[in-house]
C-alpha atoms as a PDB file:
ATOM      1  CA  UNK A   1       5.885  13.654 -19.618  1.00  0.00           C
ATOM      2  CA  UNK A   2       5.296  10.696 -21.976  1.00  0.00           C
ATOM      3  CA  UNK A   3       3.560   7.582 -20.697  1.00  0.00           C
ATOM      4  CA  UNK A   4       5.543   4.855 -18.961  1.00  0.00           C
ATOM      5  CA  UNK A   5       8.545   6.790 -17.626  1.00  0.00           C
ATOM      6  CA  UNK A   6      10.499   5.127 -14.816  1.00  0.00           C
ATOM      7  CA  UNK A   7      12.383   6.606 -11.877  1.00  0.00           C
ATOM      8  CA  UNK A   8      14.376   4.640  -9.283  1.00  0.00           C
ATOM      9  CA  UNK A   9      16.120   6.268  -6.313  1.00  0.00           C
ATOM     10  CA  UNK A  10      18.294   4.325  -3.874  1.00  0.00           C
ATOM     11  CA  UNK A  11      20.576   5.171  -0.976  1.00  0.00           C
ATOM     12  CA  UNK A  12      21.575   4.256   2.553  1.00  0.00           C
ATOM     13  CA  UNK A  13      18.372   6.061   3.516  1.00  0.00           C
ATOM     14  CA  UNK A  14      15.945   7.880   1.236  1.00  0.00           C
ATOM     15  CA  UNK A  15      13.834  10.941   1.972  1.00  0.00           C
ATOM     16  CA  UNK A  16      11.573  12.191  -0.810  1.00  0.00           C
ATOM     17  CA  UNK A  17       9.838  15.524  -0.314  1.00  0.00           C
ATOM     18  CA  UNK A  18       9.544  16.680  -3.905  1.00  0.00           C
ATOM     19  CA  UNK A  19       7.215  16.053  -6.835  1.00  0.00           C
ATOM     20  CA  UNK A  20       7.377  13.187  -9.321  1.00  0.00           C
ATOM     21  CA  UNK A  21       4.779  13.074 -12.109  1.00  0.00           C
ATOM     22  CA  UNK A  22       5.162   9.940 -14.246  1.00  0.00           C
ATOM     23  CA  UNK A  23       1.920   9.189 -16.127  1.00  0.00           C
ATOM     24  CA  UNK A  24       1.336   5.406 -16.182  1.00  0.00           C
ATOM     25  CA  UNK A  25       4.950   5.069 -15.081  1.00  0.00           C
ATOM     26  CA  UNK A  26       6.779   3.660 -12.109  1.00  0.00           C
ATOM     27  CA  UNK A  27       8.711   5.037  -9.169  1.00  0.00           C
ATOM     28  CA  UNK A  28      10.866   3.002  -6.782  1.00  0.00           C
ATOM     29  CA  UNK A  29      12.460   4.296  -3.581  1.00  0.00           C
ATOM     30  CA  UNK A  30      14.933   1.913  -1.914  1.00  0.00           C
ATOM     31  CA  UNK A  31      16.692   2.421   1.438  1.00  0.00           C
ATOM     32  CA  UNK A  32      19.614  -0.027   1.481  1.00  0.00           C
ATOM     33  CA  UNK A  33      21.306   0.767   4.799  1.00  0.00           C
ATOM     34  CA  UNK A  34      22.006  -1.824   7.483  1.00  0.00           C
ATOM     35  CA  UNK A  35      20.785   0.239  10.453  1.00  0.00           C
ATOM     36  CA  UNK A  36      17.260   0.465  11.823  1.00  0.00           C
ATOM     37  CA  UNK A  37      17.447   4.222  11.219  1.00  0.00           C
ATOM     38  CA  UNK A  38      18.088   3.719   7.500  1.00  0.00           C
ATOM     39  CA  UNK A  39      14.536   4.063   6.272  1.00  0.00           C
ATOM     40  CA  UNK A  40      12.528   5.448   3.416  1.00  0.00           C
ATOM     41  CA  UNK A  41      10.346   8.517   3.862  1.00  0.00           C
ATOM     42  CA  UNK A  42       7.884  10.290   1.625  1.00  0.00           C
ATOM     43  CA  UNK A  43       7.680  13.632   3.403  1.00  0.00           C
ATOM     44  CA  UNK A  44       4.663  15.799   4.073  1.00  0.00           C
ATOM     45  CA  UNK A  45       5.295  17.816   0.887  1.00  0.00           C
ATOM     46  CA  UNK A  46       5.967  14.755  -1.249  1.00  0.00           C
ATOM     47  CA  UNK A  47       3.840  14.135  -4.345  1.00  0.00           C
ATOM     48  CA  UNK A  48       4.167  10.903  -6.327  1.00  0.00           C
ATOM     49  CA  UNK A  49       1.731  10.776  -9.240  1.00  0.00           C
ATOM     50  CA  UNK A  50       1.807   7.808 -11.629  1.00  0.00           C
ATOM     51  CA  UNK A  51      -1.854   8.115 -12.565  1.00  0.00           C
ATOM     52  CA  UNK A  52      -2.920   7.485 -16.130  1.00  0.00           C
ATOM     53  CA  UNK A  53      -4.315  10.114 -18.452  1.00  0.00           C
ATOM     54  CA  UNK A  54      -6.317  10.190 -21.665  1.00  0.00           C
ATOM     55  CA  UNK A  55      -4.596  10.008 -25.025  1.00  0.00           C
ATOM     56  CA  UNK A  56      -6.081  11.292 -28.283  1.00  0.00           C
ATOM     57  CA  UNK A  57      -5.938   9.155 -31.417  1.00  0.00           C
ATOM     58  CA  UNK A  58      -7.488  11.280 -34.114  1.00  0.00           C
ATOM     59  CA  UNK A  59     -11.188  11.469 -33.272  1.00  0.00           C
ATOM     60  CA  UNK A  60     -10.909   8.818 -30.565  1.00  0.00           C
ATOM     61  CA  UNK A  61      -9.532   8.905 -27.052  1.00  0.00           C
ATOM     62  CA  UNK A  62      -8.237   6.142 -24.806  1.00  0.00           C
ATOM     63  CA  UNK A  63      -7.500   6.158 -21.106  1.00  0.00           C
ATOM     64  CA  UNK A  64      -4.192   4.830 -19.809  1.00  0.00           C
ATOM     65  CA  UNK A  65      -3.969   2.732 -16.624  1.00  0.00           C
ATOM     66  CA  UNK A  66      -2.276   3.827 -13.440  1.00  0.00           C
ATOM     67  CA  UNK A  67       1.362   2.988 -12.807  1.00  0.00           C
ATOM     68  CA  UNK A  68       3.337   1.360 -10.018  1.00  0.00           C
ATOM     69  CA  UNK A  69       4.927   2.752  -6.854  1.00  0.00           C
ATOM     70  CA  UNK A  70       7.382   0.709  -4.788  1.00  0.00           C
ATOM     71  CA  UNK A  71       8.731   1.859  -1.424  1.00  0.00           C
ATOM     72  CA  UNK A  72      11.188  -0.471   0.288  1.00  0.00           C
ATOM     73  CA  UNK A  73      13.678  -0.532   3.133  1.00  0.00           C
ATOM     74  CA  UNK A  74      16.146  -3.309   3.876  1.00  0.00           C
ATOM     75  CA  UNK A  75      16.380  -2.740   7.642  1.00  0.00           C
ATOM     76  CA  UNK A  76      14.512   0.456   8.523  1.00  0.00           C
ATOM     77  CA  UNK A  77      11.020   1.929   8.440  1.00  0.00           C
ATOM     78  CA  UNK A  78       8.927   3.135   5.544  1.00  0.00           C
ATOM     79  CA  UNK A  79       6.880   6.275   6.173  1.00  0.00           C
ATOM     80  CA  UNK A  80       4.356   8.155   4.084  1.00  0.00           C
ATOM     81  CA  UNK A  81       3.839  11.259   6.181  1.00  0.00           C
ATOM     82  CA  UNK A  82       0.594  13.146   6.612  1.00  0.00           C
ATOM     83  CA  UNK A  83       0.217  15.631   3.769  1.00  0.00           C
ATOM     84  CA  UNK A  84       2.002  13.446   1.213  1.00  0.00           C
ATOM     85  CA  UNK A  85      -0.007  12.579  -1.910  1.00  0.00           C
ATOM     86  CA  UNK A  86       0.257   9.243  -3.699  1.00  0.00           C
ATOM     87  CA  UNK A  87      -1.800   8.725  -6.883  1.00  0.00           C
ATOM     88  CA  UNK A  88      -2.037   5.527  -8.969  1.00  0.00           C
ATOM     89  CA  UNK A  89      -5.474   6.156 -10.533  1.00  0.00           C
ATOM     90  CA  UNK A  90      -6.329   5.159 -14.075  1.00  0.00           C
ATOM     91  CA  UNK A  91      -7.104   7.823 -16.662  1.00  0.00           C
ATOM     92  CA  UNK A  92     -10.861   7.340 -16.254  1.00  0.00           C
ATOM     93  CA  UNK A  93     -13.393   4.828 -14.947  1.00  0.00           C
ATOM     94  CA  UNK A  94     -12.583   2.408 -17.780  1.00  0.00           C
ATOM     95  CA  UNK A  95      -8.848   2.286 -17.133  1.00  0.00           C
ATOM     96  CA  UNK A  96      -7.293   0.059 -14.499  1.00  0.00           C
ATOM     97  CA  UNK A  97      -5.816   1.539 -11.381  1.00  0.00           C
ATOM     98  CA  UNK A  98      -2.160   0.953 -10.619  1.00  0.00           C
ATOM     99  CA  UNK A  99      -0.447  -0.467  -7.555  1.00  0.00           C
ATOM    100  CA  UNK A 100       1.439   0.473  -4.423  1.00  0.00           C
ATOM    101  CA  UNK A 101       3.924  -1.983  -2.939  1.00  0.00           C
ATOM    102  CA  UNK A 102       5.608  -1.333   0.428  1.00  0.00           C
ATOM    103  CA  UNK A 103       8.274  -3.554   1.997  1.00  0.00           C
ATOM    104  CA  UNK A 104       9.826  -2.961   5.419  1.00  0.00           C
ATOM    105  CA  UNK A 105      10.174  -6.482   6.767  1.00  0.00           C
ATOM    106  CA  UNK A 106      12.530  -5.441   9.570  1.00  0.00           C
ATOM    107  CA  UNK A 107      10.986  -2.052  10.309  1.00  0.00           C
ATOM    108  CA  UNK A 108       7.671  -0.311  10.778  1.00  0.00           C
ATOM    109  CA  UNK A 109       5.293   0.909   8.099  1.00  0.00           C
ATOM    110  CA  UNK A 110       3.604   4.206   8.966  1.00  0.00           C
ATOM    111  CA  UNK A 111       1.162   5.262   6.236  1.00  0.00           C
ATOM    112  CA  UNK A 112      -0.478   8.629   6.949  1.00  0.00           C
ATOM    113  CA  UNK A 113      -0.568  10.350   3.547  1.00  0.00           C
ATOM    114  CA  UNK A 114      -3.343  10.524   0.959  1.00  0.00           C
ATOM    115  CA  UNK A 115      -3.601   7.402  -1.216  1.00  0.00           C
ATOM    116  CA  UNK A 116      -5.638   7.673  -4.432  1.00  0.00           C
ATOM    117  CA  UNK A 117      -6.499   4.731  -6.668  1.00  0.00           C
ATOM    118  CA  UNK A 118      -9.500   5.902  -8.684  1.00  0.00           C
ATOM    119  CA  UNK A 119     -10.060   8.904 -10.921  1.00  0.00           C
ATOM    120  CA  UNK A 120     -13.796   9.004 -10.156  1.00  0.00           C
ATOM    121  CA  UNK A 121     -15.755   8.384  -6.919  1.00  0.00           C
ATOM    122  CA  UNK A 122     -17.318   5.141  -8.205  1.00  0.00           C
ATOM    123  CA  UNK A 123     -15.198   3.009 -10.484  1.00  0.00           C
ATOM    124  CA  UNK A 124     -14.638  -0.623 -11.449  1.00  0.00           C
ATOM    125  CA  UNK A 125     -11.015   0.174 -12.281  1.00  0.00           C
ATOM    126  CA  UNK A 126      -9.470  -1.700  -9.405  1.00  0.00           C
ATOM    127  CA  UNK A 127      -6.085  -0.870  -7.941  1.00  0.00           C
ATOM    128  CA  UNK A 128      -3.791  -3.007  -5.790  1.00  0.00           C
ATOM    129  CA  UNK A 129      -1.960  -2.505  -2.512  1.00  0.00           C
ATOM    130  CA  UNK A 130       0.605  -4.762  -0.863  1.00  0.00           C
ATOM    131  CA  UNK A 131       2.459  -4.311   2.409  1.00  0.00           C
ATOM    132  CA  UNK A 132       5.036  -6.518   4.116  1.00  0.00           C
ATOM    133  CA  UNK A 133       6.242  -4.933   7.361  1.00  0.00           C
ATOM    134  CA  UNK A 134       7.859  -5.860  10.640  1.00  0.00           C
ATOM    135  CA  UNK A 135       5.051  -3.882  12.265  1.00  0.00           C
ATOM    136  CA  UNK A 136       2.252  -1.580  11.152  1.00  0.00           C
ATOM    137  CA  UNK A 137       1.513   1.761  12.762  1.00  0.00           C
ATOM    138  CA  UNK A 138      -2.271   2.280  13.039  1.00  0.00           C
ATOM    139  CA  UNK A 139      -3.695  -0.583  10.987  1.00  0.00           C
ATOM    140  CA  UNK A 140      -7.231   0.829  11.322  1.00  0.00           C
ATOM    141  CA  UNK A 141      -6.210   4.159   9.812  1.00  0.00           C
ATOM    142  CA  UNK A 142      -4.432   2.354   6.983  1.00  0.00           C
ATOM    143  CA  UNK A 143      -7.455   0.259   6.026  1.00  0.00           C
ATOM    144  CA  UNK A 144      -9.651   3.363   6.178  1.00  0.00           C
ATOM    145  CA  UNK A 145      -7.267   5.166   3.813  1.00  0.00           C
ATOM    146  CA  UNK A 146      -7.329   2.238   1.397  1.00  0.00           C
ATOM    147  CA  UNK A 147     -11.119   2.248   1.387  1.00  0.00           C
ATOM    148  CA  UNK A 148     -11.380   5.983   0.869  1.00  0.00           C
ATOM    149  CA  UNK A 149      -8.727   5.867  -1.840  1.00  0.00           C
ATOM    150  CA  UNK A 150     -10.460   3.095  -3.788  1.00  0.00           C
ATOM    151  CA  UNK A 151      -7.959   0.233  -3.467  1.00  0.00           C
ATOM    152  CA  UNK A 152     -10.441  -2.568  -4.138  1.00  0.00           C
ATOM    153  CA  UNK A 153      -8.426  -4.963  -6.302  1.00  0.00           C
ATOM    154  CA  UNK A 154      -5.767  -7.037  -4.580  1.00  0.00           C
ATOM    155  CA  UNK A 155      -4.974  -6.017  -0.993  1.00  0.00           C
ATOM    156  CA  UNK A 156      -2.222  -8.036   0.699  1.00  0.00           C
ATOM    157  CA  UNK A 157      -1.150  -7.003   4.211  1.00  0.00           C
ATOM    158  CA  UNK A 158       1.502  -8.979   6.099  1.00  0.00           C
ATOM    159  CA  UNK A 159       2.499  -7.984   9.648  1.00  0.00           C
ATOM    160  CA  UNK A 160       5.468  -9.912  11.013  1.00  0.00           C
ATOM    161  CA  UNK A 161       4.794  -8.665  14.559  1.00  0.00           C
ATOM    162  CA  UNK A 162       1.713  -7.289  16.273  1.00  0.00           C
ATOM    163  CA  UNK A 163      -1.991  -8.025  15.865  1.00  0.00           C
ATOM    164  CA  UNK A 164      -4.361  -7.020  13.080  1.00  0.00           C
ATOM    165  CA  UNK A 165      -7.781  -5.800  14.218  1.00  0.00           C
ATOM    166  CA  UNK A 166     -10.742  -4.809  12.044  1.00  0.00           C
ATOM    167  CA  UNK A 167     -12.984  -2.782  14.371  1.00  0.00           C
ATOM    168  CA  UNK A 168     -16.767  -3.076  14.538  1.00  0.00           C
ATOM    169  CA  UNK A 169     -17.242   0.115  12.502  1.00  0.00           C
ATOM    170  CA  UNK A 170     -14.608  -0.758   9.893  1.00  0.00           C
ATOM    171  CA  UNK A 171     -14.936  -2.401   6.471  1.00  0.00           C
ATOM    172  CA  UNK A 172     -12.246  -3.704   4.142  1.00  0.00           C
ATOM    173  CA  UNK A 173     -13.414  -3.992   0.532  1.00  0.00           C
ATOM    174  CA  UNK A 174     -11.121  -5.877  -1.821  1.00  0.00           C
ATOM    175  CA  UNK A 175     -11.748  -8.428  -4.529  1.00  0.00           C
ATOM    176  CA  UNK A 176      -8.669 -10.405  -3.452  1.00  0.00           C
ATOM    177  CA  UNK A 177      -7.802  -9.888   0.220  1.00  0.00           C
ATOM    178  CA  UNK A 178      -4.987 -11.486   2.180  1.00  0.00           C
ATOM    179  CA  UNK A 179      -4.222 -10.673   5.827  1.00  0.00           C
ATOM    180  CA  UNK A 180      -1.331 -12.348   7.684  1.00  0.00           C
ATOM    181  CA  UNK A 181       0.013 -11.906  11.225  1.00  0.00           C
ATOM    182  CA  UNK A 182       3.145 -13.897  12.095  1.00  0.00           C
ATOM    183  CA  UNK A 183       3.743 -12.922  15.731  1.00  0.00           C
ATOM    184  CA  UNK A 184       7.477 -13.454  15.131  1.00  0.00           C
ATOM    185  CA  UNK A 185       9.266 -11.170  17.567  1.00  0.00           C
ATOM    186  CA  UNK A 186      12.750 -11.351  19.067  1.00  0.00           C
ATOM    187  CA  UNK A 187      13.971 -10.462  22.546  1.00  0.00           C
ATOM    188  CA  UNK A 188      16.950  -8.304  23.477  1.00  0.00           C
ATOM    189  CA  UNK A 189      19.262 -11.278  23.014  1.00  0.00           C
ATOM    190  CA  UNK A 190      17.926 -12.051  19.567  1.00  0.00           C
ATOM    191  CA  UNK A 191      15.941 -15.086  20.656  1.00  0.00           C
ATOM    192  CA  UNK A 192      12.560 -15.685  18.994  1.00  0.00           C
ATOM    193  CA  UNK A 193       9.534 -14.712  21.082  1.00  0.00           C
ATOM    194  CA  UNK A 194       5.866 -14.292  20.369  1.00  0.00           C
ATOM    195  CA  UNK A 195       4.846 -10.740  19.517  1.00  0.00           C
ATOM    196  CA  UNK A 196       1.216 -10.521  18.492  1.00  0.00           C
ATOM    197  CA  UNK A 197       0.133 -12.906  15.767  1.00  0.00           C
ATOM    198  CA  UNK A 198      -3.623 -12.547  16.366  1.00  0.00           C
ATOM    199  CA  UNK A 199      -6.223 -11.365  13.858  1.00  0.00           C
ATOM    200  CA  UNK A 200      -9.548 -10.058  15.192  1.00  0.00           C
ATOM    201  CA  UNK A 201     -12.368  -9.314  12.752  1.00  0.00           C
ATOM    202  CA  UNK A 202     -15.253  -7.438  14.384  1.00  0.00           C
ATOM    203  CA  UNK A 203     -16.182  -5.397  11.310  1.00  0.00           C
ATOM    204  CA  UNK A 204     -16.850  -6.362   7.700  1.00  0.00           C
ATOM    205  CA  UNK A 205     -14.873  -7.815   4.816  1.00  0.00           C
ATOM    206  CA  UNK A 206     -16.402  -7.267   1.372  1.00  0.00           C
ATOM    207  CA  UNK A 207     -15.026  -9.244  -1.589  1.00  0.00           C
ATOM    208  CA  UNK A 208     -18.208  -9.023  -3.656  1.00  0.00           C
ATOM    209  CA  UNK A 209     -18.295  -8.262  -7.355  1.00  0.00           C
ATOM    210  CA  UNK A 210     -19.493  -9.456 -10.733  1.00  0.00           C
ATOM    211  CA  UNK A 211     -17.002 -12.307 -10.280  1.00  0.00           C
ATOM    212  CA  UNK A 212     -16.669 -13.823  -6.825  1.00  0.00           C
ATOM    213  CA  UNK A 213     -13.620 -12.676  -4.921  1.00  0.00           C
ATOM    214  CA  UNK A 214     -11.409 -14.468  -2.446  1.00  0.00           C
ATOM    215  CA  UNK A 215     -10.323 -13.870   1.143  1.00  0.00           C
ATOM    216  CA  UNK A 216      -7.327 -15.431   2.884  1.00  0.00           C
ATOM    217  CA  UNK A 217      -6.804 -14.834   6.617  1.00  0.00           C
ATOM    218  CA  UNK A 218      -3.686 -16.312   8.234  1.00  0.00           C
ATOM    219  CA  UNK A 219      -3.127 -15.803  11.962  1.00  0.00           C
ATOM    220  CA  UNK A 220      -0.167 -17.524  13.582  1.00  0.00           C
ATOM    221  CA  UNK A 221      -2.118 -17.642  16.855  1.00  0.00           C
ATOM    222  CA  UNK A 222      -5.710 -16.621  17.543  1.00  0.00           C
ATOM    223  CA  UNK A 223      -8.259 -15.783  14.841  1.00  0.00           C
ATOM    224  CA  UNK A 224     -11.497 -14.168  16.019  1.00  0.00           C
ATOM    225  CA  UNK A 225     -14.347 -13.629  13.578  1.00  0.00           C
END
């Protein structure tokens, strides 16, 4: 496949359990349904690979950056099931990583698959991750996956309900980190109620680098550091 191909899939709900290989390209999955059950799923056999590769130009080679993956649901959940493989790595250590963007503002985000942002174990080719969700299933596991996968560029995580907790043994490394917890729940009658909104940081946040990074922490209620 040539570099930069694009694929967009949309439906009332979307379930992707196949293979999409789009070097330095983009893939968008959109669940447009009005029901809470109308979500987007990358199944356990799903493979989405928008990583870059190396291109030969006569006697020279150049590495292409990683591409973009967008998963979004208007009213339901977004799931990346265990076993799924998501790859936005650059072609080598000199090429920039790509990005993953997940939006489920009225549902839950459950991210259990393998997320890869770097082509080599140690790389300055930073990749980005953004998440805006009504709630997040297993925030600690998510941040661990981001660290292992090499998402150290921009990391923006927004939880509209629930708390965000960085445990004493956990570290989030990102050059540009934003964490937000709104605590904006609703009761059975649709009235606004508090649901979470705290951020507790018992572990470490690392925004170090050759150029100083930035950290933004926004808790609607209690912030513990």
